[in-house]
Amino acid sequence: MIALRLLQPVIAVTLAMALWPGQAAAEDRGHSFKTCSLITAEYLTVLQLASRGLDETTLNASLPDISAAARQRVDSLLALSRKEGLVDTHSRVHSEYAACARQVFTRLGMPEAGTRDSAFHFCAGENRVRYEITLAAVMEAPVEDVKRSLEPQHHAVAEAIYRIFEAEGPLVTFDHLAGELKHCLNDPGA
């Protein structure tokens, strides 16, 4: 895990402005690793489409069969991205995903190996590591310092994230992060 002392100010600000209800409300709703993951994937897809130029009207027109509550979530997410910017909104969604998954783990513990929920748990953990690496890049922490705080299997991931960040900037990095999460959710063994 990346040195949390470097990330605490960013995480505290991000968590203070949550999209999801507070942790107690999340517990009352009985979230699972699956629901945390699917909500996050939906939010990230909306942000990716917004970053490609689709406005609220176009997005709502392209999602005609969604419920009124889902449409309200899309509208709220887009309003937040207009207010805070796409990068900060991406960051908030990833932070909320980590908090949601942590709450599920606290309530339910480790899912049984080989189950679908264990796959969602795996994706949540991998996304958390990638998100922390991205935050470290944003904060200009040296990649070698970041790698020392990671398990060896994540060293190449850290280098790749830093390359994308340095070449393309934070929005493209968060777009890649969203794509990696969705890929994991579709095929957690890949």
N, C-alpha and C. Protein backbone atom coordinates (compact mmCIF):
# COMPACT_ATOMS: atom_id res chain seq x y z
N MET A 1 0.85 -1.17 0.00
CA MET A 1 0.00 0.00 0.00
C MET A 1 0.89 1.24 0.00
N ILE A 2 0.48 2.22 -0.73
CA ILE A 2 1.24 3.46 -0.81
C ILE A 2 1.20 4.14 0.53
N ALA A 3 2.26 4.83 0.87
CA ALA A 3 2.34 5.51 2.16
C ALA A 3 1.13 6.42 2.32
N LEU A 4 0.27 6.08 3.25
CA LEU A 4 -0.96 6.82 3.43
C LEU A 4 -0.74 8.24 3.91
N ARG A 5 0.38 8.49 4.54
CA ARG A 5 0.63 9.86 5.00
C ARG A 5 0.70 10.83 3.82
N LEU A 6 1.12 10.35 2.65
CA LEU A 6 1.14 11.20 1.46
C LEU A 6 -0.26 11.43 0.91
N LEU A 7 -1.14 10.47 1.09
CA LEU A 7 -2.44 10.51 0.46
C LEU A 7 -3.56 11.01 1.37
N GLN A 8 -3.33 11.08 2.68
CA GLN A 8 -4.41 11.43 3.59
C GLN A 8 -5.10 12.74 3.28
N PRO A 9 -4.40 13.84 2.96
CA PRO A 9 -5.13 15.07 2.67
C PRO A 9 -6.05 14.94 1.45
N VAL A 10 -5.59 14.27 0.41
CA VAL A 10 -6.40 14.10 -0.79
C VAL A 10 -7.60 13.20 -0.51
N ILE A 11 -7.36 12.11 0.19
CA ILE A 11 -8.44 11.18 0.49
C ILE A 11 -9.47 11.83 1.40
N ALA A 12 -9.04 12.59 2.40
CA ALA A 12 -9.98 13.23 3.31
C ALA A 12 -10.89 14.20 2.58
N VAL A 13 -10.33 15.00 1.69
CA VAL A 13 -11.15 15.94 0.92
C VAL A 13 -12.10 15.19 0.01
N THR A 14 -11.62 14.14 -0.63
CA THR A 14 -12.44 13.38 -1.55
C THR A 14 -13.60 12.71 -0.82
N LEU A 15 -13.32 12.10 0.33
CA LEU A 15 -14.37 11.41 1.07
C LEU A 15 -15.38 12.38 1.67
N ALA A 16 -14.95 13.58 1.96
CA ALA A 16 -15.86 14.55 2.57
C ALA A 16 -16.95 14.99 1.61
N MET A 17 -16.76 14.77 0.33
CA MET A 17 -17.72 15.22 -0.68
C MET A 17 -18.25 14.02 -1.44
N ALA A 18 -18.89 13.11 -0.74
CA ALA A 18 -19.26 11.81 -1.29
C ALA A 18 -20.50 11.86 -2.17
N LEU A 19 -20.49 11.01 -3.20
CA LEU A 19 -21.68 10.81 -4.02
C LEU A 19 -22.62 9.80 -3.36
N TRP A 20 -22.03 8.74 -2.82
CA TRP A 20 -22.83 7.72 -2.17
C TRP A 20 -23.21 8.19 -0.79
N PRO A 21 -24.24 7.58 -0.21
CA PRO A 21 -24.59 7.92 1.17
C PRO A 21 -23.44 7.57 2.10
N GLY A 22 -23.53 8.07 3.31
CA GLY A 22 -22.50 7.78 4.31
C GLY A 22 -22.37 6.29 4.55
N GLN A 23 -21.34 5.90 5.28
CA GLN A 23 -21.09 4.48 5.49
C GLN A 23 -22.24 3.79 6.20
N ALA A 24 -22.85 4.45 7.17
CA ALA A 24 -23.97 3.83 7.88
C ALA A 24 -25.11 3.55 6.91
N ALA A 25 -25.40 4.51 6.03
CA ALA A 25 -26.46 4.30 5.05
C ALA A 25 -26.09 3.18 4.09
N ALA A 26 -24.83 3.12 3.68
CA ALA A 26 -24.39 2.05 2.79
C ALA A 26 -24.58 0.70 3.46
N GLU A 27 -24.28 0.62 4.76
CA GLU A 27 -24.47 -0.63 5.48
C GLU A 27 -25.96 -0.99 5.54
N ASP A 28 -26.82 0.01 5.78
CA ASP A 28 -28.25 -0.24 5.83
C ASP A 28 -28.76 -0.77 4.50
N ARG A 29 -28.17 -0.31 3.40
CA ARG A 29 -28.61 -0.75 2.08
C ARG A 29 -28.08 -2.12 1.73
N GLY A 30 -27.17 -2.65 2.52
CA GLY A 30 -26.67 -3.99 2.28
C GLY A 30 -25.83 -4.12 1.03
N HIS A 31 -25.01 -3.11 0.72
CA HIS A 31 -24.16 -3.21 -0.46
C HIS A 31 -23.30 -4.46 -0.39
N SER A 32 -22.96 -4.96 -1.55
CA SER A 32 -22.04 -6.08 -1.70
C SER A 32 -20.88 -5.58 -2.55
N PHE A 33 -19.86 -6.42 -2.68
CA PHE A 33 -18.77 -6.06 -3.59
C PHE A 33 -19.32 -5.86 -5.01
N LYS A 34 -20.32 -6.65 -5.36
CA LYS A 34 -20.93 -6.54 -6.69
C LYS A 34 -21.63 -5.19 -6.87
N THR A 35 -22.47 -4.80 -5.90
CA THR A 35 -23.19 -3.53 -6.08
C THR A 35 -22.23 -2.35 -6.05
N CYS A 36 -21.23 -2.38 -5.18
CA CYS A 36 -20.23 -1.31 -5.18
C CYS A 36 -19.57 -1.20 -6.56
N SER A 37 -19.23 -2.35 -7.12
CA SER A 37 -18.53 -2.39 -8.40
C SER A 37 -19.42 -1.93 -9.55
N LEU A 38 -20.65 -2.39 -9.59
CA LEU A 38 -21.53 -2.04 -10.70
C LEU A 38 -21.92 -0.56 -10.68
N ILE A 39 -22.18 -0.02 -9.49
CA ILE A 39 -22.47 1.41 -9.38
C ILE A 39 -21.28 2.21 -9.87
N THR A 40 -20.10 1.82 -9.44
CA THR A 40 -18.88 2.53 -9.85
C THR A 40 -18.70 2.46 -11.37
N ALA A 41 -18.87 1.28 -11.94
CA ALA A 41 -18.71 1.13 -13.39
C ALA A 41 -19.70 2.01 -14.14
N GLU A 42 -20.93 2.11 -13.65
CA GLU A 42 -21.91 2.97 -14.30
C GLU A 42 -21.48 4.44 -14.22
N TYR A 43 -21.06 4.87 -13.04
CA TYR A 43 -20.62 6.26 -12.88
C TYR A 43 -19.43 6.56 -13.78
N LEU A 44 -18.48 5.64 -13.83
CA LEU A 44 -17.28 5.88 -14.64
C LEU A 44 -17.62 5.91 -16.13
N THR A 45 -18.55 5.09 -16.56
CA THR A 45 -18.97 5.12 -17.96
C THR A 45 -19.57 6.48 -18.31
N VAL A 46 -20.41 7.01 -17.44
CA VAL A 46 -20.99 8.34 -17.67
C VAL A 46 -19.88 9.38 -17.77
N LEU A 47 -18.91 9.32 -16.86
CA LEU A 47 -17.81 10.29 -16.90
C LEU A 47 -16.97 10.13 -18.16
N GLN A 48 -16.74 8.90 -18.58
CA GLN A 48 -15.98 8.70 -19.82
C GLN A 48 -16.72 9.27 -21.02
N LEU A 49 -18.01 9.06 -21.08
CA LEU A 49 -18.79 9.60 -22.19
C LEU A 49 -18.82 11.13 -22.13
N ALA A 50 -18.92 11.69 -20.94
CA ALA A 50 -18.89 13.15 -20.80
C ALA A 50 -17.54 13.70 -21.25
N SER A 51 -16.48 13.00 -20.95
CA SER A 51 -15.15 13.48 -21.35
C SER A 51 -14.96 13.41 -22.86
N ARG A 52 -15.78 12.62 -23.52
CA ARG A 52 -15.72 12.52 -24.98
C ARG A 52 -16.69 13.48 -25.66
N GLY A 53 -17.30 14.35 -24.85
CA GLY A 53 -18.12 15.41 -25.41
C GLY A 53 -19.61 15.20 -25.37
N LEU A 54 -20.09 14.10 -24.83
CA LEU A 54 -21.53 13.91 -24.74
C LEU A 54 -22.09 14.76 -23.60
N ASP A 55 -23.07 15.58 -23.91
CA ASP A 55 -23.67 16.42 -22.89
C ASP A 55 -24.83 15.70 -22.21
N GLU A 56 -25.40 16.34 -21.21
CA GLU A 56 -26.47 15.74 -20.42
C GLU A 56 -27.67 15.33 -21.28
N THR A 57 -28.05 16.19 -22.20
CA THR A 57 -29.20 15.90 -23.07
C THR A 57 -28.94 14.67 -23.92
N THR A 58 -27.76 14.60 -24.52
CA THR A 58 -27.40 13.46 -25.36
C THR A 58 -27.32 12.18 -24.54
N LEU A 59 -26.70 12.26 -23.36
CA LEU A 59 -26.61 11.08 -22.51
C LEU A 59 -27.99 10.59 -22.09
N ASN A 60 -28.84 11.50 -21.66
CA ASN A 60 -30.18 11.09 -21.25
C ASN A 60 -30.97 10.51 -22.41
N ALA A 61 -30.81 11.05 -23.61
CA ALA A 61 -31.50 10.53 -24.79
C ALA A 61 -30.99 9.14 -25.16
N SER A 62 -29.72 8.88 -24.89
CA SER A 62 -29.14 7.58 -25.24
C SER A 62 -29.43 6.52 -24.18
N LEU A 63 -30.01 6.92 -23.07
CA LEU A 63 -30.34 6.00 -21.99
C LEU A 63 -31.85 6.03 -21.72
N PRO A 64 -32.66 5.72 -22.72
CA PRO A 64 -34.11 5.93 -22.57
C PRO A 64 -34.80 5.00 -21.59
N ASP A 65 -34.23 3.84 -21.31
CA ASP A 65 -34.92 2.86 -20.48
C ASP A 65 -34.47 2.86 -19.02
N ILE A 66 -33.75 3.88 -18.61
CA ILE A 66 -33.31 3.89 -17.22
C ILE A 66 -34.42 4.47 -16.33
N SER A 67 -34.37 4.08 -15.07
CA SER A 67 -35.38 4.55 -14.12
C SER A 67 -35.18 6.03 -13.82
N ALA A 68 -36.19 6.61 -13.22
CA ALA A 68 -36.11 8.03 -12.83
C ALA A 68 -34.98 8.23 -11.81
N ALA A 69 -34.82 7.29 -10.90
CA ALA A 69 -33.75 7.39 -9.90
C ALA A 69 -32.38 7.32 -10.57
N ALA A 70 -32.24 6.43 -11.54
CA ALA A 70 -30.96 6.31 -12.25
C ALA A 70 -30.68 7.58 -13.06
N ARG A 71 -31.71 8.12 -13.68
CA ARG A 71 -31.54 9.37 -14.44
C ARG A 71 -31.11 10.50 -13.51
N GLN A 72 -31.68 10.53 -12.30
CA GLN A 72 -31.29 11.55 -11.33
C GLN A 72 -29.83 11.39 -10.93
N ARG A 73 -29.37 10.14 -10.78
CA ARG A 73 -27.96 9.91 -10.44
C ARG A 73 -27.05 10.38 -11.57
N VAL A 74 -27.45 10.12 -12.81
CA VAL A 74 -26.67 10.59 -13.97
C VAL A 74 -26.61 12.11 -13.96
N ASP A 75 -27.76 12.74 -13.78
CA ASP A 75 -27.81 14.21 -13.76
C ASP A 75 -26.95 14.77 -12.63
N SER A 76 -27.03 14.17 -11.45
CA SER A 76 -26.23 14.64 -10.31
C SER A 76 -24.73 14.47 -10.58
N LEU A 77 -24.37 13.35 -11.17
CA LEU A 77 -22.96 13.11 -11.47
C LEU A 77 -22.45 14.11 -12.50
N LEU A 78 -23.24 14.39 -13.52
CA LEU A 78 -22.82 15.36 -14.53
C LEU A 78 -22.76 16.77 -13.94
N ALA A 79 -23.70 17.11 -13.07
CA ALA A 79 -23.66 18.42 -12.41
C ALA A 79 -22.40 18.54 -11.55
N LEU A 80 -22.06 17.47 -10.85
CA LEU A 80 -20.85 17.48 -10.05
C LEU A 80 -19.61 17.65 -10.92
N SER A 81 -19.59 16.97 -12.06
CA SER A 81 -18.41 17.07 -12.94
C SER A 81 -18.29 18.47 -13.53
N ARG A 82 -19.42 19.14 -13.78
CA ARG A 82 -19.36 20.53 -14.25
C ARG A 82 -18.82 21.44 -13.15
N LYS A 83 -19.21 21.18 -11.93
CA LYS A 83 -18.79 22.02 -10.80
C LYS A 83 -17.34 21.76 -10.41
N GLU A 84 -16.98 20.49 -10.29
CA GLU A 84 -15.67 20.10 -9.76
C GLU A 84 -14.64 19.78 -10.83
N GLY A 85 -15.11 19.48 -12.02
CA GLY A 85 -14.23 19.05 -13.10
C GLY A 85 -14.24 17.53 -13.20
N LEU A 86 -13.93 17.04 -14.40
CA LEU A 86 -13.96 15.59 -14.63
C LEU A 86 -12.91 14.84 -13.83
N VAL A 87 -11.72 15.41 -13.70
CA VAL A 87 -10.65 14.72 -12.97
C VAL A 87 -11.05 14.52 -11.51
N ASP A 88 -11.51 15.58 -10.86
CA ASP A 88 -11.89 15.47 -9.45
C ASP A 88 -13.09 14.55 -9.27
N THR A 89 -14.01 14.56 -10.23
CA THR A 89 -15.17 13.67 -10.12
C THR A 89 -14.75 12.22 -10.31
N HIS A 90 -13.86 11.95 -11.27
CA HIS A 90 -13.31 10.59 -11.40
C HIS A 90 -12.68 10.17 -10.08
N SER A 91 -11.87 11.03 -9.50
CA SER A 91 -11.20 10.71 -8.25
C SER A 91 -12.21 10.41 -7.15
N ARG A 92 -13.25 11.20 -7.08
CA ARG A 92 -14.27 10.99 -6.06
C ARG A 92 -14.95 9.64 -6.23
N VAL A 93 -15.27 9.28 -7.46
CA VAL A 93 -15.94 8.00 -7.70
C VAL A 93 -15.03 6.84 -7.28
N HIS A 94 -13.75 6.91 -7.62
CA HIS A 94 -12.82 5.85 -7.21
C HIS A 94 -12.67 5.79 -5.69
N SER A 95 -12.62 6.94 -5.06
CA SER A 95 -12.52 6.99 -3.61
C SER A 95 -13.76 6.39 -2.96
N GLU A 96 -14.92 6.71 -3.48
CA GLU A 96 -16.17 6.16 -2.94
C GLU A 96 -16.24 4.65 -3.16
N TYR A 97 -15.71 4.20 -4.28
CA TYR A 97 -15.67 2.76 -4.54
C TYR A 97 -14.83 2.05 -3.48
N ALA A 98 -13.67 2.61 -3.19
CA ALA A 98 -12.82 2.02 -2.15
C ALA A 98 -13.53 2.02 -0.80
N ALA A 99 -14.21 3.12 -0.47
CA ALA A 99 -14.92 3.20 0.81
C ALA A 99 -16.07 2.20 0.86
N CYS A 100 -16.80 2.07 -0.23
CA CYS A 100 -17.92 1.12 -0.29
C CYS A 100 -17.41 -0.31 -0.10
N ALA A 101 -16.35 -0.66 -0.83
CA ALA A 101 -15.80 -2.02 -0.73
C ALA A 101 -15.24 -2.28 0.67
N ARG A 102 -14.62 -1.27 1.26
CA ARG A 102 -14.09 -1.41 2.62
C ARG A 102 -15.23 -1.66 3.61
N GLN A 103 -16.34 -0.96 3.44
CA GLN A 103 -17.50 -1.14 4.31
C GLN A 103 -18.06 -2.56 4.17
N VAL A 104 -18.14 -3.04 2.94
CA VAL A 104 -18.62 -4.41 2.71
C VAL A 104 -17.67 -5.40 3.38
N PHE A 105 -16.37 -5.20 3.23
CA PHE A 105 -15.40 -6.11 3.84
C PHE A 105 -15.54 -6.09 5.36
N THR A 106 -15.72 -4.90 5.93
CA THR A 106 -15.87 -4.79 7.39
C THR A 106 -17.11 -5.55 7.85
N ARG A 107 -18.18 -5.46 7.08
CA ARG A 107 -19.44 -6.10 7.46
C ARG A 107 -19.45 -7.59 7.18
N LEU A 108 -18.89 -8.01 6.03
CA LEU A 108 -19.03 -9.40 5.60
C LEU A 108 -17.74 -10.21 5.61
N GLY A 109 -16.61 -9.53 5.65
CA GLY A 109 -15.34 -10.24 5.60
C GLY A 109 -14.97 -10.65 4.18
N MET A 110 -13.99 -11.52 4.11
CA MET A 110 -13.48 -12.00 2.83
C MET A 110 -14.49 -12.96 2.19
N PRO A 111 -14.83 -12.72 0.92
CA PRO A 111 -15.76 -13.66 0.26
C PRO A 111 -15.08 -15.01 0.02
N GLU A 112 -15.89 -16.02 -0.08
CA GLU A 112 -15.38 -17.37 -0.31
C GLU A 112 -14.66 -17.42 -1.65
N ALA A 113 -13.48 -18.03 -1.65
CA ALA A 113 -12.67 -18.14 -2.88
C ALA A 113 -13.46 -18.84 -3.97
N GLY A 114 -13.29 -18.33 -5.20
CA GLY A 114 -13.93 -18.93 -6.35
C GLY A 114 -15.34 -18.47 -6.62
N THR A 115 -15.90 -17.65 -5.73
CA THR A 115 -17.26 -17.15 -5.94
C THR A 115 -17.21 -15.89 -6.80
N ARG A 116 -18.36 -15.52 -7.34
CA ARG A 116 -18.43 -14.30 -8.15
C ARG A 116 -18.12 -13.08 -7.27
N ASP A 117 -18.57 -13.11 -5.99
CA ASP A 117 -18.27 -11.98 -5.12
C ASP A 117 -16.78 -11.87 -4.84
N SER A 118 -16.06 -13.00 -4.84
CA SER A 118 -14.61 -12.91 -4.65
C SER A 118 -13.96 -12.24 -5.85
N ALA A 119 -14.54 -12.41 -7.03
CA ALA A 119 -14.02 -11.73 -8.23
C ALA A 119 -14.25 -10.22 -8.12
N PHE A 120 -15.44 -9.82 -7.65
CA PHE A 120 -15.70 -8.39 -7.45
C PHE A 120 -14.78 -7.82 -6.37
N HIS A 121 -14.52 -8.60 -5.32
CA HIS A 121 -13.60 -8.18 -4.26
C HIS A 121 -12.20 -7.97 -4.84
N PHE A 122 -11.75 -8.90 -5.67
CA PHE A 122 -10.45 -8.79 -6.32
C PHE A 122 -10.36 -7.50 -7.14
N CYS A 123 -11.38 -7.23 -7.94
CA CYS A 123 -11.37 -6.03 -8.79
C CYS A 123 -11.35 -4.76 -7.94
N ALA A 124 -12.08 -4.77 -6.84
CA ALA A 124 -12.08 -3.60 -5.95
C ALA A 124 -10.69 -3.36 -5.38
N GLY A 125 -10.02 -4.43 -4.99
CA GLY A 125 -8.66 -4.30 -4.44
C GLY A 125 -7.67 -3.82 -5.48
N GLU A 126 -7.74 -4.38 -6.67
CA GLU A 126 -6.84 -3.95 -7.74
C GLU A 126 -7.09 -2.49 -8.11
N ASN A 127 -8.36 -2.10 -8.15
CA ASN A 127 -8.68 -0.71 -8.47
C ASN A 127 -8.15 0.23 -7.39
N ARG A 128 -8.27 -0.18 -6.13
CA ARG A 128 -7.77 0.66 -5.04
C ARG A 128 -6.27 0.91 -5.19
N VAL A 129 -5.52 -0.14 -5.51
CA VAL A 129 -4.08 0.01 -5.70
C VAL A 129 -3.80 0.96 -6.87
N ARG A 130 -4.48 0.76 -7.98
CA ARG A 130 -4.27 1.62 -9.15
C ARG A 130 -4.67 3.07 -8.86
N TYR A 131 -5.73 3.25 -8.11
CA TYR A 131 -6.17 4.60 -7.73
C TYR A 131 -5.12 5.27 -6.83
N GLU A 132 -4.59 4.54 -5.87
CA GLU A 132 -3.56 5.10 -4.99
C GLU A 132 -2.31 5.46 -5.78
N ILE A 133 -1.94 4.64 -6.75
CA ILE A 133 -0.79 4.95 -7.60
C ILE A 133 -1.08 6.23 -8.39
N THR A 134 -2.29 6.34 -8.92
CA THR A 134 -2.66 7.55 -9.67
C THR A 134 -2.59 8.78 -8.77
N LEU A 135 -3.10 8.68 -7.55
CA LEU A 135 -3.01 9.81 -6.62
C LEU A 135 -1.56 10.18 -6.34
N ALA A 136 -0.72 9.17 -6.20
CA ALA A 136 0.70 9.44 -5.96
C ALA A 136 1.31 10.17 -7.16
N ALA A 137 0.92 9.80 -8.37
CA ALA A 137 1.42 10.49 -9.56
C ALA A 137 0.94 11.93 -9.57
N VAL A 138 -0.33 12.14 -9.23
CA VAL A 138 -0.88 13.50 -9.16
C VAL A 138 -0.09 14.34 -8.15
N MET A 139 0.29 13.72 -7.05
CA MET A 139 1.01 14.43 -5.98
C MET A 139 2.52 14.49 -6.25
N GLU A 140 2.92 14.01 -7.42
CA GLU A 140 4.31 14.04 -7.86
C GLU A 140 5.26 13.25 -6.96
N ALA A 141 4.76 12.19 -6.36
CA ALA A 141 5.63 11.28 -5.60
C ALA A 141 6.50 10.51 -6.60
N PRO A 142 7.77 10.34 -6.32
CA PRO A 142 8.63 9.59 -7.23
C PRO A 142 8.15 8.14 -7.40
N VAL A 143 8.13 7.67 -8.63
CA VAL A 143 7.63 6.33 -8.90
C VAL A 143 8.43 5.27 -8.13
N GLU A 144 9.71 5.48 -7.94
CA GLU A 144 10.51 4.49 -7.21
C GLU A 144 10.06 4.41 -5.74
N ASP A 145 9.69 5.53 -5.16
CA ASP A 145 9.16 5.52 -3.79
C ASP A 145 7.84 4.77 -3.73
N VAL A 146 7.01 5.00 -4.73
CA VAL A 146 5.71 4.34 -4.80
C VAL A 146 5.91 2.84 -4.94
N LYS A 147 6.81 2.42 -5.82
CA LYS A 147 7.06 0.99 -6.04
C LYS A 147 7.55 0.31 -4.76
N ARG A 148 8.34 1.01 -3.95
CA ARG A 148 8.82 0.40 -2.70
C ARG A 148 7.67 0.11 -1.74
N SER A 149 6.56 0.83 -1.87
CA SER A 149 5.43 0.61 -0.97
C SER A 149 4.43 -0.41 -1.51
N LEU A 150 4.70 -0.95 -2.70
CA LEU A 150 3.78 -1.89 -3.35
C LEU A 150 4.33 -3.30 -3.33
N GLU A 151 3.42 -4.25 -3.50
CA GLU A 151 3.83 -5.64 -3.72
C GLU A 151 4.50 -5.72 -5.10
N PRO A 152 5.46 -6.61 -5.29
CA PRO A 152 6.18 -6.69 -6.56
C PRO A 152 5.28 -6.84 -7.80
N GLN A 153 4.15 -7.51 -7.67
CA GLN A 153 3.28 -7.70 -8.84
C GLN A 153 2.67 -6.39 -9.32
N HIS A 154 2.76 -5.33 -8.53
CA HIS A 154 2.20 -4.04 -8.93
C HIS A 154 3.25 -3.04 -9.43
N HIS A 155 4.50 -3.43 -9.46
CA HIS A 155 5.55 -2.52 -9.91
C HIS A 155 5.36 -2.10 -11.36
N ALA A 156 5.07 -3.05 -12.23
CA ALA A 156 4.86 -2.72 -13.64
C ALA A 156 3.62 -1.84 -13.82
N VAL A 157 2.61 -2.07 -13.01
CA VAL A 157 1.39 -1.25 -13.06
C VAL A 157 1.73 0.19 -12.70
N ALA A 158 2.54 0.37 -11.66
CA ALA A 158 2.93 1.72 -11.24
C ALA A 158 3.68 2.43 -12.37
N GLU A 159 4.62 1.72 -12.98
CA GLU A 159 5.38 2.32 -14.08
C GLU A 159 4.46 2.70 -15.25
N ALA A 160 3.51 1.83 -15.57
CA ALA A 160 2.59 2.12 -16.67
C ALA A 160 1.70 3.33 -16.36
N ILE A 161 1.19 3.39 -15.14
CA ILE A 161 0.34 4.52 -14.76
C ILE A 161 1.13 5.81 -14.82
N TYR A 162 2.35 5.79 -14.33
CA TYR A 162 3.18 7.00 -14.37
C TYR A 162 3.48 7.42 -15.81
N ARG A 163 3.73 6.44 -16.70
CA ARG A 163 3.98 6.78 -18.11
C ARG A 163 2.76 7.46 -18.72
N ILE A 164 1.58 6.89 -18.48
CA ILE A 164 0.36 7.49 -19.02
C ILE A 164 0.16 8.89 -18.43
N PHE A 165 0.34 9.01 -17.13
CA PHE A 165 0.15 10.30 -16.47
C PHE A 165 1.10 11.35 -17.03
N GLU A 166 2.36 10.99 -17.17
CA GLU A 166 3.35 11.96 -17.67
C GLU A 166 3.12 12.31 -19.13
N ALA A 167 2.66 11.35 -19.93
CA ALA A 167 2.46 11.61 -21.36
C ALA A 167 1.11 12.26 -21.67
N GLU A 168 0.08 11.90 -20.93
CA GLU A 168 -1.28 12.29 -21.30
C GLU A 168 -2.01 13.13 -20.26
N GLY A 169 -1.54 13.13 -19.02
CA GLY A 169 -2.19 13.92 -17.98
C GLY A 169 -3.19 13.12 -17.16
N PRO A 170 -3.79 13.79 -16.17
CA PRO A 170 -4.65 13.09 -15.22
C PRO A 170 -5.96 12.57 -15.80
N LEU A 171 -6.61 13.31 -16.71
CA LEU A 171 -7.90 12.84 -17.21
C LEU A 171 -7.75 11.55 -18.01
N VAL A 172 -6.75 11.49 -18.86
CA VAL A 172 -6.51 10.26 -19.63
C VAL A 172 -6.13 9.13 -18.69
N THR A 173 -5.37 9.43 -17.65
CA THR A 173 -4.98 8.40 -16.68
C THR A 173 -6.23 7.85 -15.99
N PHE A 174 -7.12 8.74 -15.56
CA PHE A 174 -8.35 8.27 -14.92
C PHE A 174 -9.23 7.51 -15.91
N ASP A 175 -9.23 7.90 -17.17
CA ASP A 175 -9.99 7.17 -18.18
C ASP A 175 -9.45 5.75 -18.31
N HIS A 176 -8.13 5.62 -18.33
CA HIS A 176 -7.52 4.28 -18.38
C HIS A 176 -7.86 3.48 -17.13
N LEU A 177 -7.82 4.14 -15.99
CA LEU A 177 -8.16 3.48 -14.73
C LEU A 177 -9.58 2.94 -14.78
N ALA A 178 -10.51 3.74 -15.31
CA ALA A 178 -11.90 3.30 -15.46
C ALA A 178 -11.98 2.10 -16.40
N GLY A 179 -11.26 2.17 -17.51
CA GLY A 179 -11.26 1.06 -18.46
C GLY A 179 -10.72 -0.22 -17.85
N GLU A 180 -9.65 -0.10 -17.07
CA GLU A 180 -9.07 -1.28 -16.42
C GLU A 180 -10.05 -1.90 -15.42
N LEU A 181 -10.76 -1.05 -14.68
CA LEU A 181 -11.75 -1.58 -13.74
C LEU A 181 -12.84 -2.33 -14.48
N LYS A 182 -13.37 -1.72 -15.53
CA LYS A 182 -14.46 -2.37 -16.27
C LYS A 182 -13.98 -3.67 -16.92
N HIS A 183 -12.75 -3.69 -17.40
CA HIS A 183 -12.18 -4.92 -17.95
C HIS A 183 -12.12 -5.99 -16.87
N CYS A 184 -11.66 -5.63 -15.68
CA CYS A 184 -11.58 -6.58 -14.57
C CYS A 184 -12.96 -7.11 -14.21
N LEU A 185 -13.94 -6.22 -14.15
CA LEU A 185 -15.29 -6.65 -13.78
C LEU A 185 -15.88 -7.61 -14.81
N ASN A 186 -15.50 -7.43 -16.07
CA ASN A 186 -15.99 -8.33 -17.13
C ASN A 186 -15.24 -9.63 -17.17
N ASP A 187 -13.96 -9.60 -16.77
CA ASP A 187 -13.13 -10.80 -16.81
C ASP A 187 -12.07 -10.72 -15.71
N PRO A 188 -12.46 -11.00 -14.46
CA PRO A 188 -11.54 -10.80 -13.33
C PRO A 188 -10.29 -11.67 -13.37
N GLY A 189 -10.30 -12.71 -14.16
CA GLY A 189 -9.12 -13.56 -14.24
C GLY A 189 -8.07 -13.06 -15.21
N ALA A 190 -8.42 -12.04 -16.00
CA ALA A 190 -7.51 -11.56 -17.05
C ALA A 190 -6.40 -10.71 -16.48
